[in-house]
Amino acid sequence: MNTKKEPKPQVVRNKYTAQFKEQALERADRDGIPKVTQDLGLAEAR
């Protein structure tokens, strides 16, 4: 019996600047979250 554990794949997380975050929030207020997340290629948090 093989009890060797498989390594978990590393999750790659992007780092965003404060300016990017501020502009994304401004756009979300203006255009709506679904539109902005799609435009920026982000996953909409639930």
C-alpha atoms as a PDB file:
ATOM      1  CA  MET A   1       0.000   0.000   0.000  1.00  0.00           C
ATOM      2  CA  ASN A   2       1.400   3.375  -1.008  1.00  0.00           C
ATOM      3  CA  THR A   3       0.885   6.015   1.713  1.00  0.00           C
ATOM      4  CA  LYS A   4       2.907   8.724  -0.019  1.00  0.00           C
ATOM      5  CA  LYS A   5       0.994  12.027  -0.026  1.00  0.00           C
ATOM      6  CA  GLU A   6       0.623  13.918  -3.269  1.00  0.00           C
ATOM      7  CA  PRO A   7       1.969  17.490  -3.113  1.00  0.00           C
ATOM      8  CA  LYS A   8      -0.691  20.184  -3.263  1.00  0.00           C
ATOM      9  CA  PRO A   9      -0.463  22.429  -6.314  1.00  0.00           C
ATOM     10  CA  GLN A  10       0.632  25.957  -5.492  1.00  0.00           C
ATOM     11  CA  VAL A  11      -1.961  28.664  -5.939  1.00  0.00           C
ATOM     12  CA  VAL A  12      -0.650  31.576  -7.983  1.00  0.00           C
ATOM     13  CA  ARG A  13      -1.984  34.903  -6.761  1.00  0.00           C
ATOM     14  CA  ASN A  14      -1.589  38.163  -8.595  1.00  0.00           C
ATOM     15  CA  LYS A  15      -0.412  41.274  -6.779  1.00  0.00           C
ATOM     16  CA  TYR A  16      -2.210  44.480  -7.634  1.00  0.00           C
ATOM     17  CA  THR A  17      -1.097  48.025  -6.921  1.00  0.00           C
ATOM     18  CA  ALA A  18      -3.102  50.347  -4.712  1.00  0.00           C
ATOM     19  CA  GLN A  19      -3.797  52.492  -7.783  1.00  0.00           C
ATOM     20  CA  PHE A  20      -5.207  49.496  -9.711  1.00  0.00           C
ATOM     21  CA  LYS A  21      -7.474  48.597  -6.781  1.00  0.00           C
ATOM     22  CA  GLU A  22      -8.731  52.166  -6.399  1.00  0.00           C
ATOM     23  CA  GLN A  23      -9.510  52.464 -10.106  1.00  0.00           C
ATOM     24  CA  ALA A  24     -11.235  49.068 -10.112  1.00  0.00           C
ATOM     25  CA  LEU A  25     -13.461  50.152  -7.222  1.00  0.00           C
ATOM     26  CA  GLU A  26     -14.340  53.414  -8.968  1.00  0.00           C
ATOM     27  CA  ARG A  27     -15.264  51.514 -12.133  1.00  0.00           C
ATOM     28  CA  ALA A  28     -17.309  49.000 -10.126  1.00  0.00           C
ATOM     29  CA  ASP A  29     -19.337  51.846  -8.620  1.00  0.00           C
ATOM     30  CA  ARG A  30     -19.908  53.342 -12.054  1.00  0.00           C
ATOM     31  CA  ASP A  31     -20.278  50.278 -14.308  1.00  0.00           C
ATOM     32  CA  GLY A  32     -21.198  47.459 -11.909  1.00  0.00           C
ATOM     33  CA  ILE A  33     -19.106  44.643 -10.505  1.00  0.00           C
ATOM     34  CA  PRO A  34     -19.959  41.949 -13.118  1.00  0.00           C
ATOM     35  CA  LYS A  35     -18.927  44.209 -16.024  1.00  0.00           C
ATOM     36  CA  VAL A  36     -15.661  45.303 -14.387  1.00  0.00           C
ATOM     37  CA  THR A  37     -14.598  41.805 -13.312  1.00  0.00           C
ATOM     38  CA  GLN A  38     -15.193  40.550 -16.846  1.00  0.00           C
ATOM     39  CA  ASP A  39     -13.274  43.465 -18.395  1.00  0.00           C
ATOM     40  CA  LEU A  40     -10.316  43.016 -16.036  1.00  0.00           C
ATOM     41  CA  GLY A  41     -10.269  39.223 -16.225  1.00  0.00           C
ATOM     42  CA  LEU A  42     -10.968  38.803 -12.519  1.00  0.00           C
ATOM     43  CA  ALA A  43     -13.186  36.317 -10.714  1.00  0.00           C
ATOM     44  CA  GLU A  44     -16.186  37.873  -9.025  1.00  0.00           C
ATOM     45  CA  ALA A  45     -15.984  37.112  -5.290  1.00  0.00           C
ATOM     46  CA  ARG A  46     -19.080  35.613  -3.728  1.00  0.00           C
END
